Every structure is written in structure tokens, then in C-alpha cells.
Amino acid sequence: MGTHTTADADRVLPLRERKKLRTRRALADAALRLFLDKGFEETTLDELVDAVEISKRTFFRNFASKEDVAIAAELELWDAYLAEVAGREFHGPILTELREALSSAVFGLDDDWHERFIATRGLIGHTPALQNRSLMLSMIVQQRLVEQLEEKLGIDSRDDVRLRLLGEFCLAAWRCGAKNWIRMARQAGLRGDRKELVRGVEEAFDAIPESLALSAT
């Protein structure tokens, strides 16, 4: 489990990188607020950059599109996860390593990340363009994860389908655990507990072997 938050890591970055990170977060926060208040399609890029007092050029140095700034919380998660996997030495079952890497990545994110993530998922649920972008992002992450496994294990996924299946399992376990956590948090009128999110995702990972063995009577 990670013991350092993103805020801890920020303090060791060079000043220029810290300023860039602050701008990126200000953009993400303003975008989420505007999109939730006015709607994604109804909010223009001009309104967004004006709210943060930056130029469009600065915006595009930080985000590739309006869709990406809208789902910044998801981008943060997957960047952290891929970095965590890349930096780990694998020992033992690969699925266990991938599960622990995901848990560590979630715990290492900003203190308010899980609240922004819940709000982001709500926005995505009502915005077809963001649903498409979120789906495409998950496919990109899955491919990058498989590429990292190929490098670490010295196995070509074109010859060994297990690596691609592991990528599928990881993303599926995340979706199942996160979806259940968001639903329960909303029903309870709570902002959500990050430990409960991680617990739900880990339970989904642990259920994979039994799911594969499930048979009809």
C-alpha cells in the first residue's frame, strides 16, 4: 500500500514543474465545476480558459482536448497506475502484483481525488462524448499495461494470450469495484471512502478465479 500522496511527490518537483502542475489542476477543477453547472457541451473552451485566466495555448500544453480535461480524475488514476506498475519488481502471481499496484496507485492520489472521481463519473454518465473518451482511454491503458508486462516478463503477447487476458481482467475488476463503490456512496449520501473503493476493487480481483470456474448446474 502506498504511503506517499501525490502532494508529497509534488514538493520534490522543480519549480517550473510545480507551476505546470498547479495550472493543470486549476484547469481540471474549473472544468469539472463548469461542466457540472452548465453541461459539457454548453461550456465553451473560451469560458474555461477565462475562468483560470490562461490562454488556449497554455490549455493545450496541459490537455489534448476538452474531453480530457473533463475526465482529468481518470487520467490521474491511470497515469499513477501505469507508473506504479512500471516501477515495481514483480514476484509471484502477476494478477496479485497488478492488484496491489492498483491499490497503491489509488492510495497515492490527492486527498480529494476520490470525491472528484465520483463527480467525474456522474458527468460522464450524462455525456455521450465523455463516455466514448473514457472507453477509449481504458483501451489505451489496457494496451500500455500489456506492453509493460511484455517488457517485464520477456513474453510477446502475440504468442501468449495470457498477457492480454490479464489486461482485460485488471480493467474489468476496476470497473466492477468502482461502479459498486460509487453506487453505494451515492445511496448513502456520502462522498465515498477511498479504503472502501480499494476494498471493493480488490474483492473483484479476488473473485476472478472463481468467476472463471463458475459452471451451470
C-alpha atoms as a PDB file:
ATOM      1  CA  MET A   1       0.000   0.000   0.000  1.00  0.00           C
ATOM      2  CA  GLY A   2       1.328   3.470  -0.896  1.00  0.00           C
ATOM      3  CA  THR A   3       2.252   5.762   1.966  1.00  0.00           C
ATOM      4  CA  HIS A   4       3.017   8.929  -0.008  1.00  0.00           C
ATOM      5  CA  THR A   5       0.371  11.116  -1.619  1.00  0.00           C
ATOM      6  CA  THR A   6       0.704  12.999  -4.871  1.00  0.00           C
ATOM      7  CA  ALA A   7       1.034  16.187  -2.837  1.00  0.00           C
ATOM      8  CA  ASP A   8       4.137  14.743  -1.130  1.00  0.00           C
ATOM      9  CA  ALA A   9       5.700  13.986  -4.507  1.00  0.00           C
ATOM     10  CA  ASP A  10       4.868  17.468  -5.816  1.00  0.00           C
ATOM     11  CA  ARG A  11       7.121  19.113  -3.259  1.00  0.00           C
ATOM     12  CA  VAL A  12      10.246  17.498  -4.734  1.00  0.00           C
ATOM     13  CA  LEU A  13       9.497  18.658  -8.279  1.00  0.00           C
ATOM     14  CA  PRO A  14      11.372  21.611  -9.818  1.00  0.00           C
ATOM     15  CA  LEU A  15       9.576  24.966  -9.554  1.00  0.00           C
ATOM     16  CA  ARG A  16       8.646  25.008 -13.236  1.00  0.00           C
ATOM     17  CA  GLU A  17       7.044  21.569 -12.974  1.00  0.00           C
ATOM     18  CA  ARG A  18       5.160  22.562  -9.812  1.00  0.00           C
ATOM     19  CA  LYS A  19       3.737  25.611 -11.578  1.00  0.00           C
ATOM     20  CA  LYS A  20       2.684  23.487 -14.535  1.00  0.00           C
ATOM     21  CA  LEU A  21       1.030  21.008 -12.209  1.00  0.00           C
ATOM     22  CA  ARG A  22      -0.848  23.775 -10.391  1.00  0.00           C
ATOM     23  CA  THR A  23      -2.121  25.112 -13.711  1.00  0.00           C
ATOM     24  CA  ARG A  24      -3.214  21.646 -14.776  1.00  0.00           C
ATOM     25  CA  ARG A  25      -5.115  21.105 -11.534  1.00  0.00           C
ATOM     26  CA  ALA A  26      -6.714  24.552 -11.682  1.00  0.00           C
ATOM     27  CA  LEU A  27      -7.924  23.731 -15.188  1.00  0.00           C
ATOM     28  CA  ALA A  28      -9.299  20.368 -14.111  1.00  0.00           C
ATOM     29  CA  ASP A  29     -11.092  21.844 -11.102  1.00  0.00           C
ATOM     30  CA  ALA A  30     -12.587  24.718 -13.094  1.00  0.00           C
ATOM     31  CA  ALA A  31     -13.637  22.386 -15.905  1.00  0.00           C
ATOM     32  CA  LEU A  32     -15.395  19.962 -13.587  1.00  0.00           C
ATOM     33  CA  ARG A  33     -17.206  22.810 -11.842  1.00  0.00           C
ATOM     34  CA  LEU A  34     -18.312  24.463 -15.096  1.00  0.00           C
ATOM     35  CA  PHE A  35     -19.298  21.222 -16.785  1.00  0.00           C
ATOM     36  CA  LEU A  36     -21.395  20.144 -13.808  1.00  0.00           C
ATOM     37  CA  ASP A  37     -23.069  23.561 -13.577  1.00  0.00           C
ATOM     38  CA  LYS A  38     -23.667  24.283 -17.268  1.00  0.00           C
ATOM     39  CA  GLY A  39     -23.141  20.991 -19.051  1.00  0.00           C
ATOM     40  CA  PHE A  40     -20.181  19.753 -21.054  1.00  0.00           C
ATOM     41  CA  GLU A  41     -21.489  20.702 -24.493  1.00  0.00           C
ATOM     42  CA  GLU A  42     -22.799  24.063 -23.279  1.00  0.00           C
ATOM     43  CA  THR A  43     -19.461  25.165 -21.801  1.00  0.00           C
ATOM     44  CA  THR A  44     -17.030  26.640 -24.305  1.00  0.00           C
ATOM     45  CA  LEU A  45     -13.276  26.377 -24.187  1.00  0.00           C
ATOM     46  CA  ASP A  46     -13.135  30.180 -24.065  1.00  0.00           C
ATOM     47  CA  GLU A  47     -15.180  30.154 -20.854  1.00  0.00           C
ATOM     48  CA  LEU A  48     -12.894  27.558 -19.338  1.00  0.00           C
ATOM     49  CA  VAL A  49      -9.604  29.325 -20.076  1.00  0.00           C
ATOM     50  CA  ASP A  50     -11.109  32.639 -18.948  1.00  0.00           C
ATOM     51  CA  ALA A  51     -12.075  31.068 -15.628  1.00  0.00           C
ATOM     52  CA  VAL A  52      -8.444  30.093 -14.988  1.00  0.00           C
ATOM     53  CA  GLU A  53      -7.029  33.196 -16.689  1.00  0.00           C
ATOM     54  CA  ILE A  54      -4.807  31.368 -19.144  1.00  0.00           C
ATOM     55  CA  SER A  55      -4.509  31.210 -22.917  1.00  0.00           C
ATOM     56  CA  LYS A  56      -5.748  28.446 -25.170  1.00  0.00           C
ATOM     57  CA  ARG A  57      -2.127  27.729 -25.985  1.00  0.00           C
ATOM     58  CA  THR A  58      -1.464  27.040 -22.298  1.00  0.00           C
ATOM     59  CA  PHE A  59      -4.570  24.863 -22.153  1.00  0.00           C
ATOM     60  CA  PHE A  60      -3.344  22.647 -24.980  1.00  0.00           C
ATOM     61  CA  ARG A  61       0.053  22.326 -23.336  1.00  0.00           C
ATOM     62  CA  ASN A  62      -1.751  20.656 -20.453  1.00  0.00           C
ATOM     63  CA  PHE A  63      -4.643  18.767 -22.040  1.00  0.00           C
ATOM     64  CA  ALA A  64      -5.176  17.400 -25.527  1.00  0.00           C
ATOM     65  CA  SER A  65      -8.881  18.240 -25.616  1.00  0.00           C
ATOM     66  CA  LYS A  66     -11.916  19.453 -23.712  1.00  0.00           C
ATOM     67  CA  GLU A  67     -12.834  15.807 -23.186  1.00  0.00           C
ATOM     68  CA  ASP A  68      -9.527  15.074 -21.480  1.00  0.00           C
ATOM     69  CA  VAL A  69      -9.788  17.945 -19.011  1.00  0.00           C
ATOM     70  CA  ALA A  70     -13.311  16.772 -18.178  1.00  0.00           C
ATOM     71  CA  ILE A  71     -12.050  13.309 -17.207  1.00  0.00           C
ATOM     72  CA  ALA A  72      -8.838  14.506 -15.551  1.00  0.00           C
ATOM     73  CA  ALA A  73      -9.541  12.377 -12.469  1.00  0.00           C
ATOM     74  CA  GLU A  74      -9.462   9.240 -14.613  1.00  0.00           C
ATOM     75  CA  LEU A  75      -6.296  10.371 -16.370  1.00  0.00           C
ATOM     76  CA  GLU A  76      -4.639  10.880 -12.984  1.00  0.00           C
ATOM     77  CA  LEU A  77      -5.593   7.384 -11.879  1.00  0.00           C
ATOM     78  CA  TRP A  78      -4.299   5.632 -14.981  1.00  0.00           C
ATOM     79  CA  ASP A  79      -1.080   7.657 -15.097  1.00  0.00           C
ATOM     80  CA  ALA A  80      -0.450   6.709 -11.463  1.00  0.00           C
ATOM     81  CA  TYR A  81      -1.292   3.046 -12.093  1.00  0.00           C
ATOM     82  CA  LEU A  82       0.975   2.665 -15.103  1.00  0.00           C
ATOM     83  CA  ALA A  83       3.794   4.425 -13.233  1.00  0.00           C
ATOM     84  CA  GLU A  84       3.281   2.118 -10.255  1.00  0.00           C
ATOM     85  CA  VAL A  85       3.397  -0.994 -12.441  1.00  0.00           C
ATOM     86  CA  ALA A  86       6.487   0.271 -14.269  1.00  0.00           C
ATOM     87  CA  GLY A  87       8.338   0.861 -11.001  1.00  0.00           C
ATOM     88  CA  ARG A  88       7.517  -2.450  -9.327  1.00  0.00           C
ATOM     89  CA  GLU A  89       9.621  -5.591  -9.211  1.00  0.00           C
ATOM     90  CA  PHE A  90       7.261  -8.483  -9.775  1.00  0.00           C
ATOM     91  CA  HIS A  91       7.449 -11.544  -7.538  1.00  0.00           C
ATOM     92  CA  GLY A  92       4.820 -14.254  -7.552  1.00  0.00           C
ATOM     93  CA  PRO A  93       1.398 -14.271  -9.270  1.00  0.00           C
ATOM     94  CA  ILE A  94       1.157 -11.440 -11.802  1.00  0.00           C
ATOM     95  CA  LEU A  95      -2.528 -10.764 -11.128  1.00  0.00           C
ATOM     96  CA  THR A  96      -1.712 -10.213  -7.455  1.00  0.00           C
ATOM     97  CA  GLU A  97       1.054  -7.785  -8.389  1.00  0.00           C
ATOM     98  CA  LEU A  98      -1.298  -5.867 -10.666  1.00  0.00           C
ATOM     99  CA  ARG A  99      -3.970  -5.721  -7.970  1.00  0.00           C
ATOM    100  CA  GLU A 100      -1.514  -4.418  -5.382  1.00  0.00           C
ATOM    101  CA  ALA A 101      -0.124  -1.871  -7.837  1.00  0.00           C
ATOM    102  CA  LEU A 102      -3.626  -0.522  -8.474  1.00  0.00           C
ATOM    103  CA  SER A 103      -4.392  -0.270  -4.764  1.00  0.00           C
ATOM    104  CA  SER A 104      -1.120   1.541  -4.166  1.00  0.00           C
ATOM    105  CA  ALA A 105      -1.824   3.951  -7.025  1.00  0.00           C
ATOM    106  CA  VAL A 106      -5.269   4.822  -5.656  1.00  0.00           C
ATOM    107  CA  PHE A 107      -3.943   5.450  -2.150  1.00  0.00           C
ATOM    108  CA  GLY A 108      -1.182   7.658  -3.561  1.00  0.00           C
ATOM    109  CA  LEU A 109      -3.512  10.130  -5.275  1.00  0.00           C
ATOM    110  CA  ASP A 110      -4.513  13.526  -3.853  1.00  0.00           C
ATOM    111  CA  ASP A 111      -6.667  13.563  -0.728  1.00  0.00           C
ATOM    112  CA  ASP A 112      -9.697  14.850  -2.669  1.00  0.00           C
ATOM    113  CA  TRP A 113      -9.201  12.637  -5.704  1.00  0.00           C
ATOM    114  CA  HIS A 114     -11.979  10.159  -4.849  1.00  0.00           C
ATOM    115  CA  GLU A 115     -14.516  12.971  -4.480  1.00  0.00           C
ATOM    116  CA  ARG A 116     -13.541  14.382  -7.876  1.00  0.00           C
ATOM    117  CA  PHE A 117     -13.701  10.895  -9.330  1.00  0.00           C
ATOM    118  CA  ILE A 118     -17.292  10.391  -8.164  1.00  0.00           C
ATOM    119  CA  ALA A 119     -18.284  13.760  -9.648  1.00  0.00           C
ATOM    120  CA  THR A 120     -16.459  12.935 -12.871  1.00  0.00           C
ATOM    121  CA  ARG A 121     -18.222   9.617 -13.258  1.00  0.00           C
ATOM    122  CA  GLY A 122     -21.557  11.385 -12.785  1.00  0.00           C
ATOM    123  CA  LEU A 123     -20.647  13.837 -15.544  1.00  0.00           C
ATOM    124  CA  ILE A 124     -19.526  11.011 -17.828  1.00  0.00           C
ATOM    125  CA  GLY A 125     -22.800   9.184 -17.256  1.00  0.00           C
ATOM    126  CA  HIS A 126     -24.765  12.070 -18.773  1.00  0.00           C
ATOM    127  CA  THR A 127     -22.371  12.956 -21.594  1.00  0.00           C
ATOM    128  CA  PRO A 128     -22.018  10.601 -24.591  1.00  0.00           C
ATOM    129  CA  ALA A 129     -18.803  12.283 -25.803  1.00  0.00           C
ATOM    130  CA  LEU A 130     -17.171  11.649 -22.438  1.00  0.00           C
ATOM    131  CA  GLN A 131     -18.420   8.075 -22.334  1.00  0.00           C
ATOM    132  CA  ASN A 132     -16.659   7.463 -25.642  1.00  0.00           C
ATOM    133  CA  ARG A 133     -13.467   9.152 -24.480  1.00  0.00           C
ATOM    134  CA  SER A 134     -13.449   7.249 -21.175  1.00  0.00           C
ATOM    135  CA  LEU A 135     -13.910   3.951 -23.030  1.00  0.00           C
ATOM    136  CA  MET A 136     -11.122   4.774 -25.458  1.00  0.00           C
ATOM    137  CA  LEU A 137      -8.852   5.745 -22.560  1.00  0.00           C
ATOM    138  CA  SER A 138      -9.429   2.410 -20.847  1.00  0.00           C
ATOM    139  CA  MET A 139      -8.474   0.608 -24.063  1.00  0.00           C
ATOM    140  CA  ILE A 140      -5.271   2.643 -24.327  1.00  0.00           C
ATOM    141  CA  VAL A 141      -4.416   1.928 -20.693  1.00  0.00           C
ATOM    142  CA  GLN A 142      -5.032  -1.774 -21.195  1.00  0.00           C
ATOM    143  CA  GLN A 143      -2.679  -1.868 -24.183  1.00  0.00           C
ATOM    144  CA  ARG A 144       0.027   0.042 -22.320  1.00  0.00           C
ATOM    145  CA  LEU A 145      -0.352  -2.315 -19.384  1.00  0.00           C
ATOM    146  CA  VAL A 146       0.135  -5.316 -21.654  1.00  0.00           C
ATOM    147  CA  GLU A 147       3.215  -3.673 -23.169  1.00  0.00           C
ATOM    148  CA  GLN A 148       4.682  -3.202 -19.689  1.00  0.00           C
ATOM    149  CA  LEU A 149       4.021  -6.860 -18.889  1.00  0.00           C
ATOM    150  CA  GLU A 150       5.714  -7.902 -22.115  1.00  0.00           C
ATOM    151  CA  GLU A 151       8.803  -5.934 -21.142  1.00  0.00           C
ATOM    152  CA  LYS A 152       8.896  -7.157 -17.550  1.00  0.00           C
ATOM    153  CA  LEU A 153       8.237 -10.806 -18.307  1.00  0.00           C
ATOM    154  CA  GLY A 154      10.013 -11.092 -21.647  1.00  0.00           C
ATOM    155  CA  ILE A 155       6.869 -12.509 -23.241  1.00  0.00           C
ATOM    156  CA  ASP A 156       5.275 -11.457 -26.537  1.00  0.00           C
ATOM    157  CA  SER A 157       1.513 -11.098 -26.072  1.00  0.00           C
ATOM    158  CA  ARG A 158       1.030 -12.084 -29.716  1.00  0.00           C
ATOM    159  CA  ASP A 159       2.343 -15.518 -28.781  1.00  0.00           C
ATOM    160  CA  ASP A 160       0.873 -15.740 -25.280  1.00  0.00           C
ATOM    161  CA  VAL A 161      -2.746 -14.655 -24.887  1.00  0.00           C
ATOM    162  CA  ARG A 162      -2.451 -14.653 -21.084  1.00  0.00           C
ATOM    163  CA  LEU A 163      -0.941 -11.178 -21.053  1.00  0.00           C
ATOM    164  CA  ARG A 164      -3.876  -9.698 -22.939  1.00  0.00           C
ATOM    165  CA  LEU A 165      -6.293 -11.525 -20.700  1.00  0.00           C
ATOM    166  CA  LEU A 166      -4.537 -10.096 -17.644  1.00  0.00           C
ATOM    167  CA  GLY A 167      -5.008  -6.614 -19.074  1.00  0.00           C
ATOM    168  CA  GLU A 168      -8.708  -7.344 -19.601  1.00  0.00           C
ATOM    169  CA  PHE A 169      -9.091  -8.759 -16.086  1.00  0.00           C
ATOM    170  CA  CYS A 170      -7.460  -5.729 -14.451  1.00  0.00           C
ATOM    171  CA  LEU A 171      -9.665  -3.189 -16.169  1.00  0.00           C
ATOM    172  CA  ALA A 172     -12.772  -5.316 -15.583  1.00  0.00           C
ATOM    173  CA  ALA A 173     -12.007  -5.692 -11.874  1.00  0.00           C
ATOM    174  CA  TRP A 174     -11.535  -1.933 -11.581  1.00  0.00           C
ATOM    175  CA  ARG A 175     -14.828  -1.197 -13.354  1.00  0.00           C
ATOM    176  CA  CYS A 176     -16.792  -3.666 -11.225  1.00  0.00           C
ATOM    177  CA  GLY A 177     -15.345  -2.496  -7.921  1.00  0.00           C
ATOM    178  CA  ALA A 178     -15.533   1.218  -8.724  1.00  0.00           C
ATOM    179  CA  LYS A 179     -19.086   1.013 -10.071  1.00  0.00           C
ATOM    180  CA  ASN A 180     -20.351  -0.721  -6.926  1.00  0.00           C
ATOM    181  CA  TRP A 181     -18.493   1.751  -4.699  1.00  0.00           C
ATOM    182  CA  ILE A 182     -19.929   4.796  -6.484  1.00  0.00           C
ATOM    183  CA  ARG A 183     -23.463   3.406  -6.275  1.00  0.00           C
ATOM    184  CA  MET A 184     -23.194   2.722  -2.541  1.00  0.00           C
ATOM    185  CA  ALA A 185     -21.626   6.113  -1.863  1.00  0.00           C
ATOM    186  CA  ARG A 186     -24.439   7.908  -3.671  1.00  0.00           C
ATOM    187  CA  GLN A 187     -27.149   5.873  -1.987  1.00  0.00           C
ATOM    188  CA  ALA A 188     -25.698   6.702   1.405  1.00  0.00           C
ATOM    189  CA  GLY A 189     -25.365  10.375   0.515  1.00  0.00           C
ATOM    190  CA  LEU A 190     -21.645  10.224   1.254  1.00  0.00           C
ATOM    191  CA  ARG A 191     -18.587  11.460  -0.559  1.00  0.00           C
ATOM    192  CA  GLY A 192     -17.107   7.992  -0.533  1.00  0.00           C
ATOM    193  CA  ASP A 193     -14.361   6.332   1.467  1.00  0.00           C
ATOM    194  CA  ARG A 194     -11.200   5.553  -0.503  1.00  0.00           C
ATOM    195  CA  LYS A 195     -10.492   2.494   1.623  1.00  0.00           C
ATOM    196  CA  GLU A 196     -13.908   1.117   0.669  1.00  0.00           C
ATOM    197  CA  LEU A 197     -13.137   1.742  -3.004  1.00  0.00           C
ATOM    198  CA  VAL A 198      -9.886  -0.189  -2.786  1.00  0.00           C
ATOM    199  CA  ARG A 199     -11.557  -2.965  -0.809  1.00  0.00           C
ATOM    200  CA  GLY A 200     -14.252  -3.334  -3.475  1.00  0.00           C
ATOM    201  CA  VAL A 201     -11.726  -3.425  -6.308  1.00  0.00           C
ATOM    202  CA  GLU A 202      -9.558  -5.972  -4.503  1.00  0.00           C
ATOM    203  CA  GLU A 203     -12.620  -8.148  -3.905  1.00  0.00           C
ATOM    204  CA  ALA A 204     -13.339  -8.005  -7.639  1.00  0.00           C
ATOM    205  CA  PHE A 205      -9.767  -9.107  -8.386  1.00  0.00           C
ATOM    206  CA  ASP A 206     -10.074 -11.942  -5.870  1.00  0.00           C
ATOM    207  CA  ALA A 207     -13.331 -13.086  -7.490  1.00  0.00           C
ATOM    208  CA  ILE A 208     -11.712 -13.612 -10.911  1.00  0.00           C
ATOM    209  CA  PRO A 209     -10.571 -17.246 -10.364  1.00  0.00           C
ATOM    210  CA  GLU A 210     -13.971 -18.288  -9.020  1.00  0.00           C
ATOM    211  CA  SER A 211     -15.689 -16.498 -11.891  1.00  0.00           C
ATOM    212  CA  LEU A 212     -13.644 -18.473 -14.393  1.00  0.00           C
ATOM    213  CA  ALA A 213     -14.532 -21.702 -12.618  1.00  0.00           C
ATOM    214  CA  LEU A 214     -18.261 -20.915 -12.435  1.00  0.00           C
ATOM    215  CA  SER A 215     -20.441 -23.507 -14.169  1.00  0.00           C
ATOM    216  CA  ALA A 216     -24.149 -24.055 -14.688  1.00  0.00           C
ATOM    217  CA  THR A 217     -25.879 -26.836 -12.764  1.00  0.00           C
END
